[in-house]
Amino acid sequence: MARVDIEIERCKGCALCVDACPEQVLEIGNEINLGGYQHVVVVNPDNCIGCCRCAEMCPDVALAVWR
C-alpha cells in the first residue's frame, strides 16, 4: 500500500496537491504550521494509489509518496 508523508513546515496550504489527487487522500487541515499556514493533512490514507500526482504538483516539495 502506498502512503503520503507531509513535511508540515514546508507546506504553504496552496491546495494544489489536494486538487491533483484523484482519490481524495488529502485536504487542508485546521491546524497552523510555524509559517502561519493551514497545512495539508492526510484524511483517507487507505485510498492512496501511489500515483505521485500530489508530490509532482507541490511547488514547495512538501510531499513524498512511498510505494
N, C-alpha and C. Protein backbone atom coordinates (compact mmCIF):
# COMPACT_ATOMS: atom_id res chain seq x y z
N MET A 1 0.84 -1.18 0.00
CA MET A 1 0.00 0.00 0.00
C MET A 1 0.88 1.25 0.00
N ALA A 2 0.48 2.25 -0.76
CA ALA A 2 1.22 3.50 -0.85
C ALA A 2 0.86 4.41 0.32
N ARG A 3 1.75 5.38 0.57
CA ARG A 3 1.45 6.36 1.61
C ARG A 3 2.07 7.71 1.25
N VAL A 4 1.48 8.76 1.79
CA VAL A 4 1.95 10.13 1.57
C VAL A 4 2.50 10.66 2.89
N ASP A 5 3.72 11.19 2.85
CA ASP A 5 4.31 11.87 4.00
C ASP A 5 4.34 13.36 3.70
N ILE A 6 3.99 14.16 4.68
CA ILE A 6 3.94 15.61 4.51
C ILE A 6 4.94 16.27 5.45
N GLU A 7 5.79 17.14 4.90
CA GLU A 7 6.66 17.97 5.73
C GLU A 7 5.85 19.22 6.05
N ILE A 8 5.21 19.19 7.20
CA ILE A 8 4.23 20.21 7.58
C ILE A 8 4.80 21.62 7.51
N GLU A 9 6.04 21.81 7.93
CA GLU A 9 6.61 23.16 7.97
C GLU A 9 6.92 23.70 6.58
N ARG A 10 7.01 22.85 5.57
CA ARG A 10 7.24 23.31 4.20
C ARG A 10 5.94 23.70 3.51
N CYS A 11 4.84 23.14 3.96
CA CYS A 11 3.54 23.32 3.30
C CYS A 11 3.02 24.74 3.51
N LYS A 12 2.59 25.37 2.40
CA LYS A 12 2.00 26.71 2.46
C LYS A 12 0.50 26.68 2.22
N GLY A 13 -0.09 25.50 2.17
CA GLY A 13 -1.54 25.39 2.07
C GLY A 13 -2.12 25.83 0.74
N CYS A 14 -1.37 25.72 -0.33
CA CYS A 14 -1.87 26.16 -1.64
C CYS A 14 -2.96 25.24 -2.20
N ALA A 15 -3.00 24.00 -1.71
CA ALA A 15 -4.00 23.00 -2.09
C ALA A 15 -3.86 22.46 -3.51
N LEU A 16 -2.74 22.71 -4.17
CA LEU A 16 -2.54 22.12 -5.49
C LEU A 16 -2.52 20.60 -5.41
N CYS A 17 -1.95 20.08 -4.34
CA CYS A 17 -1.90 18.63 -4.16
C CYS A 17 -3.29 18.05 -3.91
N VAL A 18 -4.10 18.78 -3.16
CA VAL A 18 -5.46 18.34 -2.87
C VAL A 18 -6.24 18.21 -4.17
N ASP A 19 -6.12 19.21 -5.03
CA ASP A 19 -6.83 19.20 -6.31
C ASP A 19 -6.29 18.14 -7.26
N ALA A 20 -4.99 17.84 -7.17
CA ALA A 20 -4.37 16.87 -8.08
C ALA A 20 -4.68 15.42 -7.72
N CYS A 21 -5.02 15.16 -6.48
CA CYS A 21 -5.22 13.78 -6.03
C CYS A 21 -6.54 13.21 -6.56
N PRO A 22 -6.48 12.11 -7.33
CA PRO A 22 -7.71 11.53 -7.88
C PRO A 22 -8.50 10.70 -6.86
N GLU A 23 -7.91 10.46 -5.70
CA GLU A 23 -8.54 9.58 -4.71
C GLU A 23 -8.95 10.28 -3.42
N GLN A 24 -8.90 11.61 -3.40
CA GLN A 24 -9.30 12.41 -2.23
C GLN A 24 -8.59 11.97 -0.94
N VAL A 25 -7.27 11.80 -1.06
CA VAL A 25 -6.46 11.39 0.09
C VAL A 25 -6.15 12.58 0.99
N LEU A 26 -6.04 13.77 0.41
CA LEU A 26 -5.59 14.95 1.14
C LEU A 26 -6.67 16.02 1.25
N GLU A 27 -6.53 16.85 2.28
CA GLU A 27 -7.34 18.06 2.38
C GLU A 27 -6.59 19.07 3.24
N ILE A 28 -7.02 20.32 3.16
CA ILE A 28 -6.42 21.35 4.00
C ILE A 28 -6.96 21.18 5.41
N GLY A 29 -6.04 21.09 6.37
CA GLY A 29 -6.43 20.89 7.76
C GLY A 29 -6.76 22.20 8.46
N ASN A 30 -7.08 22.10 9.73
CA ASN A 30 -7.42 23.27 10.53
C ASN A 30 -6.25 23.82 11.33
N GLU A 31 -5.19 23.04 11.47
CA GLU A 31 -4.04 23.48 12.25
C GLU A 31 -3.14 24.41 11.44
N ILE A 32 -2.40 25.23 12.14
CA ILE A 32 -1.49 26.20 11.54
C ILE A 32 -0.05 25.76 11.80
N ASN A 33 0.80 25.78 10.75
CA ASN A 33 2.20 25.43 10.95
C ASN A 33 2.98 26.66 11.43
N LEU A 34 4.28 26.50 11.66
CA LEU A 34 5.10 27.60 12.18
C LEU A 34 5.19 28.78 11.23
N GLY A 35 4.96 28.54 9.94
CA GLY A 35 4.97 29.62 8.96
C GLY A 35 3.67 30.40 8.91
N GLY A 36 2.67 29.93 9.67
CA GLY A 36 1.39 30.62 9.71
C GLY A 36 0.39 30.14 8.67
N TYR A 37 0.66 28.99 8.07
CA TYR A 37 -0.22 28.45 7.03
C TYR A 37 -1.04 27.27 7.55
N GLN A 38 -2.27 27.15 7.06
CA GLN A 38 -3.04 25.93 7.28
C GLN A 38 -2.45 24.90 6.33
N HIS A 39 -1.95 23.82 6.86
CA HIS A 39 -1.25 22.84 6.04
C HIS A 39 -2.15 21.68 5.63
N VAL A 40 -1.67 20.93 4.67
CA VAL A 40 -2.38 19.75 4.16
C VAL A 40 -2.26 18.61 5.16
N VAL A 41 -3.31 17.80 5.23
CA VAL A 41 -3.31 16.60 6.06
C VAL A 41 -3.82 15.43 5.24
N VAL A 42 -3.41 14.24 5.64
CA VAL A 42 -3.89 13.01 5.01
C VAL A 42 -5.18 12.61 5.72
N VAL A 43 -6.27 12.52 4.96
CA VAL A 43 -7.56 12.17 5.57
C VAL A 43 -8.07 10.78 5.17
N ASN A 44 -7.60 10.28 4.03
CA ASN A 44 -8.01 8.96 3.56
C ASN A 44 -6.78 8.15 3.13
N PRO A 45 -5.93 7.78 4.07
CA PRO A 45 -4.66 7.12 3.71
C PRO A 45 -4.85 5.81 2.94
N ASP A 46 -5.90 5.09 3.21
CA ASP A 46 -6.12 3.81 2.52
C ASP A 46 -6.49 3.99 1.05
N ASN A 47 -6.87 5.20 0.65
CA ASN A 47 -7.23 5.46 -0.74
C ASN A 47 -6.02 5.71 -1.64
N CYS A 48 -4.85 5.96 -1.05
CA CYS A 48 -3.67 6.32 -1.84
C CYS A 48 -3.26 5.18 -2.77
N ILE A 49 -3.13 5.53 -4.06
CA ILE A 49 -2.73 4.54 -5.07
C ILE A 49 -1.28 4.72 -5.50
N GLY A 50 -0.58 5.68 -4.90
CA GLY A 50 0.83 5.89 -5.20
C GLY A 50 1.11 6.54 -6.54
N CYS A 51 0.18 7.31 -7.06
CA CYS A 51 0.34 7.92 -8.38
C CYS A 51 1.34 9.08 -8.39
N CYS A 52 1.62 9.66 -7.25
CA CYS A 52 2.58 10.77 -7.08
C CYS A 52 2.12 12.10 -7.65
N ARG A 53 0.88 12.22 -8.07
CA ARG A 53 0.40 13.49 -8.62
C ARG A 53 0.50 14.61 -7.60
N CYS A 54 0.21 14.30 -6.34
CA CYS A 54 0.29 15.32 -5.29
C CYS A 54 1.71 15.86 -5.16
N ALA A 55 2.68 14.96 -5.10
CA ALA A 55 4.08 15.36 -4.94
C ALA A 55 4.58 16.13 -6.16
N GLU A 56 4.14 15.74 -7.35
CA GLU A 56 4.54 16.42 -8.57
C GLU A 56 4.00 17.85 -8.62
N MET A 57 2.85 18.08 -8.05
CA MET A 57 2.22 19.41 -8.09
C MET A 57 2.75 20.36 -7.02
N CYS A 58 3.35 19.84 -5.97
CA CYS A 58 3.74 20.68 -4.83
C CYS A 58 4.92 21.58 -5.18
N PRO A 59 4.72 22.91 -5.18
CA PRO A 59 5.82 23.82 -5.51
C PRO A 59 6.86 23.93 -4.39
N ASP A 60 6.51 23.47 -3.20
CA ASP A 60 7.42 23.57 -2.06
C ASP A 60 8.05 22.24 -1.67
N VAL A 61 7.85 21.22 -2.47
CA VAL A 61 8.41 19.88 -2.24
C VAL A 61 8.13 19.42 -0.81
N ALA A 62 6.89 19.57 -0.40
CA ALA A 62 6.49 19.23 0.96
C ALA A 62 5.93 17.82 1.07
N LEU A 63 5.78 17.12 -0.06
CA LEU A 63 5.18 15.79 -0.05
C LEU A 63 6.13 14.74 -0.59
N ALA A 64 6.06 13.56 0.00
CA ALA A 64 6.77 12.39 -0.52
C ALA A 64 5.77 11.24 -0.55
N VAL A 65 5.80 10.49 -1.65
CA VAL A 65 4.91 9.34 -1.79
C VAL A 65 5.76 8.09 -1.77
N TRP A 66 5.37 7.15 -0.94
CA TRP A 66 6.08 5.88 -0.80
C TRP A 66 5.19 4.76 -1.31
N ARG A 67 5.75 3.90 -2.14
CA ARG A 67 5.00 2.77 -2.69
C ARG A 67 5.54 1.48 -2.17
